[in-house]
Amino acid sequence: MSNPNVPPPAYSDNAPAQKTYGATTSPTSAAEPLLGAQRGMLASGSGRDAWMDSGDDIEAAGDDFKDDRPVDECDQLIRIGFIRRVYSILLSQLALTTVVAGWLHLSPTATSIMHKTPSLIFIPMIGTFLTLFGVSVRRHSYPSNMILLGLFTLCESFLVGMVTSYYESRIVLQALALTCLVFVGLTLFVCQSKYDFSGMGPMLSAGLWGLIGVGLIQLFLPFSTTTDLVVSAFGVIIFAGYVVFDTFNIMKRLSPDEYIFGALSLYLDFLNLFLYILRILNDSQRN
């Protein structure tokens, strides 16, 4: 166990880039860049390097999670505990999102209110920014970090529910099943692979900013269904790459005290991948 007073090691600048999903021509188009904007906060002001620069004490996190070394260099018990913590938080986030979004999608009353008052989407949108900022500030302070992360997940769940309310239930379930298969498959691939995926950062970042630009254009100049299908397919490729990239960082580069950041990164990867697959299935049906 290293001395917790020793400054953390320097990492490369290839931090995970911010993520977003492009705008559609549906009434939910104003909400489309939302997830990327939240990941933008992680990279611009409180990205992975910024998360590691703070000297805050890790309260109530346990001595094993005060190690400053990358998790790959820690003892096996610490590695297992870190990965278990990351994926436990991730599964809890996905479960909450599924319940809340499913209720909004299936409730006729909730759907009617959302469609009649689309401006309601700005309430959880603002909430995600505020809670994400709170998570970045209190990330090492238990239990406030978990409470804020839960509130952030709740806001995201309402946003996903509002977006999926414009799609058929069958398509939503198909998209969810495909997303789970892709996510689990890529995770197992990274766990078994000996490749170094750290070099993917610049390429993914370039692709991401391309998606952001296309999404902004599409807000004002909607594309055809075919063009939107191509953009959505590119979005799936980008976020599938981010699943690989972020999983590699969790397994190899993050320190044990960064479990909040690891879970949050994978959570946003999953949601963006799901929303792009949802758009592909919907556009394919319309064609």
C-alpha atoms as a PDB file:
ATOM      1  CA  MET A   1       0.000   0.000   0.000  1.00  0.00           C
ATOM      2  CA  SER A   2       1.497   3.350  -1.017  1.00  0.00           C
ATOM      3  CA  ASN A   3       1.567   6.382   1.207  1.00  0.00           C
ATOM      4  CA  PRO A   4      -1.682   8.370   0.675  1.00  0.00           C
ATOM      5  CA  ASN A   5       0.260  11.588   1.177  1.00  0.00           C
ATOM      6  CA  VAL A   6       2.359  10.962  -1.930  1.00  0.00           C
ATOM      7  CA  PRO A   7       1.024  12.926  -4.949  1.00  0.00           C
ATOM      8  CA  PRO A   8      -0.713  10.760  -7.561  1.00  0.00           C
ATOM      9  CA  PRO A   9       1.236   9.773 -10.681  1.00  0.00           C
ATOM     10  CA  ALA A  10       0.911  11.827 -13.828  1.00  0.00           C
ATOM     11  CA  TYR A  11      -1.415  10.553 -16.510  1.00  0.00           C
ATOM     12  CA  SER A  12      -1.481  11.244 -20.195  1.00  0.00           C
ATOM     13  CA  ASP A  13      -3.704  13.882 -21.709  1.00  0.00           C
ATOM     14  CA  ASN A  14      -5.803  11.287 -23.483  1.00  0.00           C
ATOM     15  CA  ALA A  15      -8.609  11.585 -20.939  1.00  0.00           C
ATOM     16  CA  PRO A  16     -11.979  10.212 -21.909  1.00  0.00           C
ATOM     17  CA  ALA A  17     -13.684  12.741 -24.117  1.00  0.00           C
ATOM     18  CA  GLN A  18     -17.143  14.131 -23.568  1.00  0.00           C
ATOM     19  CA  LYS A  19     -20.020  12.361 -25.078  1.00  0.00           C
ATOM     20  CA  THR A  20     -23.261  13.381 -26.649  1.00  0.00           C
ATOM     21  CA  TYR A  21     -25.880  12.067 -28.982  1.00  0.00           C
ATOM     22  CA  GLY A  22     -27.075  13.926 -31.980  1.00  0.00           C
ATOM     23  CA  ALA A  23     -30.417  15.628 -32.458  1.00  0.00           C
ATOM     24  CA  THR A  24     -33.330  13.986 -34.152  1.00  0.00           C
ATOM     25  CA  THR A  25     -36.194  15.570 -36.006  1.00  0.00           C
ATOM     26  CA  SER A  26     -38.640  14.423 -33.356  1.00  0.00           C
ATOM     27  CA  PRO A  27     -40.148  16.807 -30.762  1.00  0.00           C
ATOM     28  CA  THR A  28     -37.384  15.648 -28.401  1.00  0.00           C
ATOM     29  CA  SER A  29     -34.633  17.103 -30.556  1.00  0.00           C
ATOM     30  CA  ALA A  30     -33.921  19.878 -28.061  1.00  0.00           C
ATOM     31  CA  ALA A  31     -32.908  17.238 -25.531  1.00  0.00           C
ATOM     32  CA  GLU A  32     -30.571  15.300 -27.802  1.00  0.00           C
ATOM     33  CA  PRO A  33     -27.218  17.002 -26.969  1.00  0.00           C
ATOM     34  CA  LEU A  34     -27.925  16.652 -23.258  1.00  0.00           C
ATOM     35  CA  LEU A  35     -25.742  13.716 -22.243  1.00  0.00           C
ATOM     36  CA  GLY A  36     -22.794  15.102 -24.158  1.00  0.00           C
ATOM     37  CA  ALA A  37     -23.106  18.434 -22.417  1.00  0.00           C
ATOM     38  CA  GLN A  38     -22.818  16.680 -19.072  1.00  0.00           C
ATOM     39  CA  ARG A  39     -19.764  14.765 -20.195  1.00  0.00           C
ATOM     40  CA  GLY A  40     -18.472  18.117 -21.413  1.00  0.00           C
ATOM     41  CA  MET A  41     -18.416  19.276 -17.823  1.00  0.00           C
ATOM     42  CA  LEU A  42     -16.306  16.250 -16.907  1.00  0.00           C
ATOM     43  CA  ALA A  43     -13.680  17.080 -19.537  1.00  0.00           C
ATOM     44  CA  SER A  44     -13.589  20.855 -19.566  1.00  0.00           C
ATOM     45  CA  GLY A  45     -13.555  21.622 -15.866  1.00  0.00           C
ATOM     46  CA  SER A  46     -13.589  18.394 -13.951  1.00  0.00           C
ATOM     47  CA  GLY A  47     -12.242  15.669 -16.227  1.00  0.00           C
ATOM     48  CA  ARG A  48     -10.312  12.622 -15.181  1.00  0.00           C
ATOM     49  CA  ASP A  49      -7.070  14.513 -14.560  1.00  0.00           C
ATOM     50  CA  ALA A  50      -8.903  17.183 -12.576  1.00  0.00           C
ATOM     51  CA  TRP A  51     -10.582  14.505 -10.510  1.00  0.00           C
ATOM     52  CA  MET A  52      -7.156  13.172  -9.561  1.00  0.00           C
ATOM     53  CA  ASP A  53      -5.570  16.557  -8.866  1.00  0.00           C
ATOM     54  CA  SER A  54      -7.595  17.254  -5.739  1.00  0.00           C
ATOM     55  CA  GLY A  55      -6.027  16.564  -2.364  1.00  0.00           C
ATOM     56  CA  ASP A  56      -9.374  16.007  -0.643  1.00  0.00           C
ATOM     57  CA  ASP A  57      -9.522  13.201   1.875  1.00  0.00           C
ATOM     58  CA  ILE A  58     -11.443  10.139   0.784  1.00  0.00           C
ATOM     59  CA  GLU A  59     -13.874   9.970   3.657  1.00  0.00           C
ATOM     60  CA  ALA A  60     -15.351   6.659   4.682  1.00  0.00           C
ATOM     61  CA  ALA A  61     -14.034   4.992   1.523  1.00  0.00           C
ATOM     62  CA  GLY A  62     -11.916   2.429   3.319  1.00  0.00           C
ATOM     63  CA  ASP A  63      -8.133   2.236   3.495  1.00  0.00           C
ATOM     64  CA  ASP A  64      -7.902   0.032   0.412  1.00  0.00           C
ATOM     65  CA  PHE A  65      -9.351   2.808  -1.719  1.00  0.00           C
ATOM     66  CA  LYS A  66      -6.741   5.404  -0.661  1.00  0.00           C
ATOM     67  CA  ASP A  67      -4.078   3.900  -2.915  1.00  0.00           C
ATOM     68  CA  ASP A  68      -2.765   6.458  -5.411  1.00  0.00           C
ATOM     69  CA  ARG A  69      -1.419   3.923  -7.894  1.00  0.00           C
ATOM     70  CA  PRO A  70      -3.284   2.853 -11.048  1.00  0.00           C
ATOM     71  CA  VAL A  71      -5.589  -0.014 -10.163  1.00  0.00           C
ATOM     72  CA  ASP A  72      -3.627  -2.361 -12.436  1.00  0.00           C
ATOM     73  CA  GLU A  73      -0.600  -1.956 -10.148  1.00  0.00           C
ATOM     74  CA  CYS A  74      -2.516  -2.636  -6.935  1.00  0.00           C
ATOM     75  CA  ASP A  75      -2.997  -5.901  -5.107  1.00  0.00           C
ATOM     76  CA  GLN A  76      -5.516  -8.339  -6.503  1.00  0.00           C
ATOM     77  CA  LEU A  77      -7.988  -7.772  -3.661  1.00  0.00           C
ATOM     78  CA  ILE A  78      -7.947  -4.025  -4.292  1.00  0.00           C
ATOM     79  CA  ARG A  79      -8.459  -4.548  -8.037  1.00  0.00           C
ATOM     80  CA  ILE A  80     -11.382  -6.881  -7.471  1.00  0.00           C
ATOM     81  CA  GLY A  81     -12.930  -4.556  -4.902  1.00  0.00           C
ATOM     82  CA  PHE A  82     -12.564  -1.544  -7.195  1.00  0.00           C
ATOM     83  CA  ILE A  83     -14.103  -3.276 -10.220  1.00  0.00           C
ATOM     84  CA  ARG A  84     -16.902  -4.690  -8.079  1.00  0.00           C
ATOM     85  CA  ARG A  85     -17.671  -1.234  -6.726  1.00  0.00           C
ATOM     86  CA  VAL A  86     -17.684   0.382 -10.193  1.00  0.00           C
ATOM     87  CA  TYR A  87     -20.020  -2.177 -11.729  1.00  0.00           C
ATOM     88  CA  SER A  88     -22.278  -2.324  -8.678  1.00  0.00           C
ATOM     89  CA  ILE A  89     -22.839   1.417  -8.956  1.00  0.00           C
ATOM     90  CA  LEU A  90     -23.323   1.123 -12.720  1.00  0.00           C
ATOM     91  CA  LEU A  91     -25.934  -1.623 -12.377  1.00  0.00           C
ATOM     92  CA  SER A  92     -27.767   0.413  -9.743  1.00  0.00           C
ATOM     93  CA  GLN A  93     -27.821   3.426 -12.064  1.00  0.00           C
ATOM     94  CA  LEU A  94     -29.115   1.371 -14.983  1.00  0.00           C
ATOM     95  CA  ALA A  95     -31.774  -0.260 -12.816  1.00  0.00           C
ATOM     96  CA  LEU A  96     -33.042   3.116 -11.601  1.00  0.00           C
ATOM     97  CA  THR A  97     -33.043   4.497 -15.150  1.00  0.00           C
ATOM     98  CA  THR A  98     -34.957   1.483 -16.449  1.00  0.00           C
ATOM     99  CA  VAL A  99     -37.638   1.774 -13.764  1.00  0.00           C
ATOM    100  CA  VAL A 100     -38.139   5.539 -14.047  1.00  0.00           C
ATOM    101  CA  ALA A 101     -37.909   5.726 -17.842  1.00  0.00           C
ATOM    102  CA  GLY A 102     -40.145   2.679 -18.192  1.00  0.00           C
ATOM    103  CA  TRP A 103     -42.790   4.241 -15.968  1.00  0.00           C
ATOM    104  CA  LEU A 104     -42.738   7.499 -17.951  1.00  0.00           C
ATOM    105  CA  HIS A 105     -42.906   5.586 -21.216  1.00  0.00           C
ATOM    106  CA  LEU A 106     -45.792   3.328 -20.208  1.00  0.00           C
ATOM    107  CA  SER A 107     -47.873   5.821 -18.233  1.00  0.00           C
ATOM    108  CA  PRO A 108     -50.512   7.424 -20.517  1.00  0.00           C
ATOM    109  CA  THR A 109     -50.917  10.340 -18.107  1.00  0.00           C
ATOM    110  CA  ALA A 110     -47.188  11.065 -17.921  1.00  0.00           C
ATOM    111  CA  THR A 111     -46.778  10.714 -21.676  1.00  0.00           C
ATOM    112  CA  SER A 112     -49.681  13.064 -22.348  1.00  0.00           C
ATOM    113  CA  ILE A 113     -48.273  15.714 -20.005  1.00  0.00           C
ATOM    114  CA  MET A 114     -44.788  15.474 -21.539  1.00  0.00           C
ATOM    115  CA  HIS A 115     -46.063  15.733 -25.108  1.00  0.00           C
ATOM    116  CA  LYS A 116     -48.338  18.664 -24.319  1.00  0.00           C
ATOM    117  CA  THR A 117     -45.594  20.498 -22.405  1.00  0.00           C
ATOM    118  CA  PRO A 118     -42.249  19.612 -24.022  1.00  0.00           C
ATOM    119  CA  SER A 119     -40.546  22.468 -22.159  1.00  0.00           C
ATOM    120  CA  LEU A 120     -40.702  20.289 -19.027  1.00  0.00           C
ATOM    121  CA  ILE A 121     -37.553  18.620 -20.291  1.00  0.00           C
ATOM    122  CA  PHE A 122     -35.529  21.639 -19.159  1.00  0.00           C
ATOM    123  CA  ILE A 123     -36.248  20.814 -15.495  1.00  0.00           C
ATOM    124  CA  PRO A 124     -34.293  17.525 -15.389  1.00  0.00           C
ATOM    125  CA  MET A 125     -31.812  18.996 -17.866  1.00  0.00           C
ATOM    126  CA  ILE A 126     -30.840  21.748 -15.444  1.00  0.00           C
ATOM    127  CA  GLY A 127     -30.870  19.201 -12.633  1.00  0.00           C
ATOM    128  CA  THR A 128     -28.295  17.040 -14.390  1.00  0.00           C
ATOM    129  CA  PHE A 129     -25.867  19.951 -14.705  1.00  0.00           C
ATOM    130  CA  LEU A 130     -26.249  20.941 -11.062  1.00  0.00           C
ATOM    131  CA  THR A 131     -25.943  17.411  -9.693  1.00  0.00           C
ATOM    132  CA  LEU A 132     -23.004  16.554 -11.959  1.00  0.00           C
ATOM    133  CA  PHE A 133     -21.189  19.633 -10.690  1.00  0.00           C
ATOM    134  CA  GLY A 134     -21.986  18.533  -7.150  1.00  0.00           C
ATOM    135  CA  VAL A 135     -20.627  15.044  -7.827  1.00  0.00           C
ATOM    136  CA  SER A 136     -17.376  16.497  -9.177  1.00  0.00           C
ATOM    137  CA  VAL A 137     -16.945  18.692  -6.096  1.00  0.00           C
ATOM    138  CA  ARG A 138     -17.946  16.093  -3.487  1.00  0.00           C
ATOM    139  CA  ARG A 139     -16.679  13.010  -5.297  1.00  0.00           C
ATOM    140  CA  HIS A 140     -14.484  11.906  -2.358  1.00  0.00           C
ATOM    141  CA  SER A 141     -16.960  12.749   0.404  1.00  0.00           C
ATOM    142  CA  TYR A 142     -19.134   9.818   1.420  1.00  0.00           C
ATOM    143  CA  PRO A 143     -22.162   9.652   1.537  1.00  0.00           C
ATOM    144  CA  SER A 144     -22.769  12.997  -0.218  1.00  0.00           C
ATOM    145  CA  ASN A 145     -21.032  11.748  -3.373  1.00  0.00           C
ATOM    146  CA  MET A 146     -23.409   8.799  -3.613  1.00  0.00           C
ATOM    147  CA  ILE A 147     -26.464  10.948  -2.894  1.00  0.00           C
ATOM    148  CA  LEU A 148     -25.522  13.429  -5.604  1.00  0.00           C
ATOM    149  CA  LEU A 149     -24.766  10.612  -8.040  1.00  0.00           C
ATOM    150  CA  GLY A 150     -28.199   9.166  -7.297  1.00  0.00           C
ATOM    151  CA  LEU A 151     -29.858  12.526  -7.982  1.00  0.00           C
ATOM    152  CA  PHE A 152     -27.901  12.849 -11.231  1.00  0.00           C
ATOM    153  CA  THR A 153     -29.048   9.377 -12.279  1.00  0.00           C
ATOM    154  CA  LEU A 154     -32.645  10.261 -11.415  1.00  0.00           C
ATOM    155  CA  CYS A 155     -32.507  13.377 -13.606  1.00  0.00           C
ATOM    156  CA  GLU A 156     -31.004  11.361 -16.461  1.00  0.00           C
ATOM    157  CA  SER A 157     -33.738   8.763 -16.019  1.00  0.00           C
ATOM    158  CA  PHE A 158     -36.436  11.387 -16.512  1.00  0.00           C
ATOM    159  CA  LEU A 159     -34.662  12.647 -19.635  1.00  0.00           C
ATOM    160  CA  VAL A 160     -34.397   9.170 -21.128  1.00  0.00           C
ATOM    161  CA  GLY A 161     -38.054   8.544 -20.305  1.00  0.00           C
ATOM    162  CA  MET A 162     -39.072  11.744 -22.069  1.00  0.00           C
ATOM    163  CA  VAL A 163     -37.073  10.829 -25.176  1.00  0.00           C
ATOM    164  CA  THR A 164     -38.304   7.229 -25.356  1.00  0.00           C
ATOM    165  CA  SER A 165     -41.928   8.340 -24.937  1.00  0.00           C
ATOM    166  CA  TYR A 166     -41.874   9.278 -28.646  1.00  0.00           C
ATOM    167  CA  TYR A 167     -40.950   5.729 -29.698  1.00  0.00           C
ATOM    168  CA  GLU A 168     -42.903   2.483 -29.806  1.00  0.00           C
ATOM    169  CA  SER A 169     -42.454   0.182 -26.818  1.00  0.00           C
ATOM    170  CA  ARG A 170     -41.340  -2.677 -29.076  1.00  0.00           C
ATOM    171  CA  ILE A 171     -38.530  -0.597 -30.576  1.00  0.00           C
ATOM    172  CA  VAL A 172     -37.430   0.618 -27.140  1.00  0.00           C
ATOM    173  CA  LEU A 173     -37.189  -2.950 -25.831  1.00  0.00           C
ATOM    174  CA  GLN A 174     -35.288  -4.074 -28.928  1.00  0.00           C
ATOM    175  CA  ALA A 175     -32.841  -1.197 -28.526  1.00  0.00           C
ATOM    176  CA  LEU A 176     -32.346  -1.992 -24.837  1.00  0.00           C
ATOM    177  CA  ALA A 177     -31.680  -5.679 -25.541  1.00  0.00           C
ATOM    178  CA  LEU A 178     -29.206  -4.879 -28.339  1.00  0.00           C
ATOM    179  CA  THR A 179     -27.433  -2.314 -26.168  1.00  0.00           C
ATOM    180  CA  CYS A 180     -27.015  -4.807 -23.346  1.00  0.00           C
ATOM    181  CA  LEU A 181     -25.589  -7.403 -25.742  1.00  0.00           C
ATOM    182  CA  VAL A 182     -23.140  -4.945 -27.297  1.00  0.00           C
ATOM    183  CA  PHE A 183     -22.092  -3.500 -23.932  1.00  0.00           C
ATOM    184  CA  VAL A 184     -21.509  -6.888 -22.289  1.00  0.00           C
ATOM    185  CA  GLY A 185     -19.731  -8.237 -25.353  1.00  0.00           C
ATOM    186  CA  LEU A 186     -17.346  -5.288 -25.561  1.00  0.00           C
ATOM    187  CA  THR A 187     -16.691  -5.414 -21.821  1.00  0.00           C
ATOM    188  CA  LEU A 188     -15.771  -9.109 -21.967  1.00  0.00           C
ATOM    189  CA  PHE A 189     -13.595  -8.434 -25.011  1.00  0.00           C
ATOM    190  CA  VAL A 190     -11.591  -5.776 -23.169  1.00  0.00           C
ATOM    191  CA  CYS A 191     -11.267  -7.936 -20.050  1.00  0.00           C
ATOM    192  CA  GLN A 192      -9.820 -10.828 -22.093  1.00  0.00           C
ATOM    193  CA  SER A 193      -7.751  -8.734 -24.477  1.00  0.00           C
ATOM    194  CA  LYS A 194      -4.078  -7.845 -24.070  1.00  0.00           C
ATOM    195  CA  TYR A 195      -4.243  -4.856 -26.439  1.00  0.00           C
ATOM    196  CA  ASP A 196      -3.515  -1.319 -25.287  1.00  0.00           C
ATOM    197  CA  PHE A 197      -6.594   0.774 -26.156  1.00  0.00           C
ATOM    198  CA  SER A 198      -5.283   4.049 -24.722  1.00  0.00           C
ATOM    199  CA  GLY A 199      -4.438   5.309 -28.229  1.00  0.00           C
ATOM    200  CA  MET A 200      -8.128   5.383 -29.159  1.00  0.00           C
ATOM    201  CA  GLY A 201      -8.671   8.631 -27.274  1.00  0.00           C
ATOM    202  CA  PRO A 202      -7.822  11.169 -30.038  1.00  0.00           C
ATOM    203  CA  MET A 203      -9.803   9.312 -32.704  1.00  0.00           C
ATOM    204  CA  LEU A 204     -12.860   8.993 -30.496  1.00  0.00           C
ATOM    205  CA  SER A 205     -12.611  12.624 -29.507  1.00  0.00           C
ATOM    206  CA  ALA A 206     -12.524  13.727 -33.146  1.00  0.00           C
ATOM    207  CA  GLY A 207     -15.516  11.544 -33.963  1.00  0.00           C
ATOM    208  CA  LEU A 208     -17.375  12.860 -30.946  1.00  0.00           C
ATOM    209  CA  TRP A 209     -16.952  16.494 -31.922  1.00  0.00           C
ATOM    210  CA  GLY A 210     -18.114  15.574 -35.402  1.00  0.00           C
ATOM    211  CA  LEU A 211     -21.309  14.157 -33.890  1.00  0.00           C
ATOM    212  CA  ILE A 212     -21.768  17.288 -31.816  1.00  0.00           C
ATOM    213  CA  GLY A 213     -21.423  19.479 -34.898  1.00  0.00           C
ATOM    214  CA  VAL A 214     -23.853  17.381 -36.911  1.00  0.00           C
ATOM    215  CA  GLY A 215     -26.311  17.405 -34.032  1.00  0.00           C
ATOM    216  CA  LEU A 216     -26.240  21.190 -33.796  1.00  0.00           C
ATOM    217  CA  ILE A 217     -26.792  21.527 -37.544  1.00  0.00           C
ATOM    218  CA  GLN A 218     -29.658  19.059 -37.406  1.00  0.00           C
ATOM    219  CA  LEU A 219     -31.403  21.146 -34.750  1.00  0.00           C
ATOM    220  CA  PHE A 220     -31.921  23.921 -37.304  1.00  0.00           C
ATOM    221  CA  LEU A 221     -31.699  22.042 -40.629  1.00  0.00           C
ATOM    222  CA  PRO A 222     -33.205  18.572 -40.176  1.00  0.00           C
ATOM    223  CA  PHE A 223     -31.687  15.817 -42.284  1.00  0.00           C
ATOM    224  CA  SER A 224     -33.475  13.171 -44.290  1.00  0.00           C
ATOM    225  CA  THR A 225     -34.227   9.797 -42.736  1.00  0.00           C
ATOM    226  CA  THR A 226     -31.391   8.172 -44.662  1.00  0.00           C
ATOM    227  CA  THR A 227     -28.861  10.772 -43.516  1.00  0.00           C
ATOM    228  CA  ASP A 228     -30.053  10.460 -39.934  1.00  0.00           C
ATOM    229  CA  LEU A 229     -29.627   6.688 -40.200  1.00  0.00           C
ATOM    230  CA  VAL A 230     -26.012   7.128 -41.328  1.00  0.00           C
ATOM    231  CA  VAL A 231     -25.299   9.598 -38.512  1.00  0.00           C
ATOM    232  CA  SER A 232     -26.860   7.242 -35.971  1.00  0.00           C
ATOM    233  CA  ALA A 233     -24.757   4.330 -37.233  1.00  0.00           C
ATOM    234  CA  PHE A 234     -21.635   6.478 -36.851  1.00  0.00           C
ATOM    235  CA  GLY A 235     -22.766   7.365 -33.332  1.00  0.00           C
ATOM    236  CA  VAL A 236     -23.052   3.671 -32.454  1.00  0.00           C
ATOM    237  CA  ILE A 237     -19.486   3.109 -33.668  1.00  0.00           C
ATOM    238  CA  ILE A 238     -18.166   6.042 -31.647  1.00  0.00           C
ATOM    239  CA  PHE A 239     -19.839   5.048 -28.397  1.00  0.00           C
ATOM    240  CA  ALA A 240     -19.019   1.380 -28.845  1.00  0.00           C
ATOM    241  CA  GLY A 241     -15.420   2.613 -29.057  1.00  0.00           C
ATOM    242  CA  TYR A 242     -15.925   4.615 -25.894  1.00  0.00           C
ATOM    243  CA  VAL A 243     -17.168   1.519 -24.077  1.00  0.00           C
ATOM    244  CA  VAL A 244     -13.894  -0.184 -24.987  1.00  0.00           C
ATOM    245  CA  PHE A 245     -11.804   2.894 -24.159  1.00  0.00           C
ATOM    246  CA  ASP A 246     -13.438   3.610 -20.794  1.00  0.00           C
ATOM    247  CA  THR A 247     -13.450  -0.055 -19.775  1.00  0.00           C
ATOM    248  CA  PHE A 248      -9.717  -0.213 -20.515  1.00  0.00           C
ATOM    249  CA  ASN A 249      -9.138   2.904 -18.406  1.00  0.00           C
ATOM    250  CA  ILE A 250     -11.091   1.386 -15.531  1.00  0.00           C
ATOM    251  CA  MET A 251      -9.110  -1.843 -15.700  1.00  0.00           C
ATOM    252  CA  LYS A 252      -5.690  -0.267 -16.221  1.00  0.00           C
ATOM    253  CA  ARG A 253      -5.381   3.475 -15.607  1.00  0.00           C
ATOM    254  CA  LEU A 254      -7.745   4.764 -12.942  1.00  0.00           C
ATOM    255  CA  SER A 255      -6.772   4.727  -9.269  1.00  0.00           C
ATOM    256  CA  PRO A 256      -8.934   2.864  -6.732  1.00  0.00           C
ATOM    257  CA  ASP A 257     -10.533   6.068  -5.406  1.00  0.00           C
ATOM    258  CA  GLU A 258     -11.972   6.941  -8.847  1.00  0.00           C
ATOM    259  CA  TYR A 259     -14.811   4.445  -8.772  1.00  0.00           C
ATOM    260  CA  ILE A 260     -17.412   7.241  -9.087  1.00  0.00           C
ATOM    261  CA  PHE A 261     -15.812   8.534 -12.284  1.00  0.00           C
ATOM    262  CA  GLY A 262     -15.509   5.030 -13.714  1.00  0.00           C
ATOM    263  CA  ALA A 263     -19.165   4.183 -13.110  1.00  0.00           C
ATOM    264  CA  LEU A 264     -20.336   7.554 -14.408  1.00  0.00           C
ATOM    265  CA  SER A 265     -18.328   7.185 -17.632  1.00  0.00           C
ATOM    266  CA  LEU A 266     -19.741   3.747 -18.384  1.00  0.00           C
ATOM    267  CA  TYR A 267     -23.263   4.885 -17.497  1.00  0.00           C
ATOM    268  CA  LEU A 268     -23.139   7.702 -20.044  1.00  0.00           C
ATOM    269  CA  ASP A 269     -21.568   5.362 -22.618  1.00  0.00           C
ATOM    270  CA  PHE A 270     -24.462   2.932 -22.170  1.00  0.00           C
ATOM    271  CA  LEU A 271     -27.145   5.619 -22.447  1.00  0.00           C
ATOM    272  CA  ASN A 272     -25.664   7.194 -25.561  1.00  0.00           C
ATOM    273  CA  LEU A 273     -25.191   3.809 -27.210  1.00  0.00           C
ATOM    274  CA  PHE A 274     -28.807   2.930 -26.381  1.00  0.00           C
ATOM    275  CA  LEU A 275     -30.186   6.174 -27.810  1.00  0.00           C
ATOM    276  CA  TYR A 276     -28.286   5.819 -31.077  1.00  0.00           C
ATOM    277  CA  ILE A 277     -29.386   2.204 -31.497  1.00  0.00           C
ATOM    278  CA  LEU A 278     -32.936   3.347 -30.765  1.00  0.00           C
ATOM    279  CA  ARG A 279     -32.709   5.918 -33.557  1.00  0.00           C
ATOM    280  CA  ILE A 280     -31.353   3.333 -35.998  1.00  0.00           C
ATOM    281  CA  LEU A 281     -34.211   0.922 -35.303  1.00  0.00           C
ATOM    282  CA  ASN A 282     -36.771   3.696 -35.595  1.00  0.00           C
ATOM    283  CA  ASP A 283     -35.308   5.061 -38.858  1.00  0.00           C
ATOM    284  CA  SER A 284     -35.061   1.551 -40.291  1.00  0.00           C
ATOM    285  CA  GLN A 285     -38.711   0.947 -39.614  1.00  0.00           C
ATOM    286  CA  ARG A 286     -39.685   4.245 -41.250  1.00  0.00           C
ATOM    287  CA  ASN A 287     -37.688   3.335 -44.354  1.00  0.00           C
END
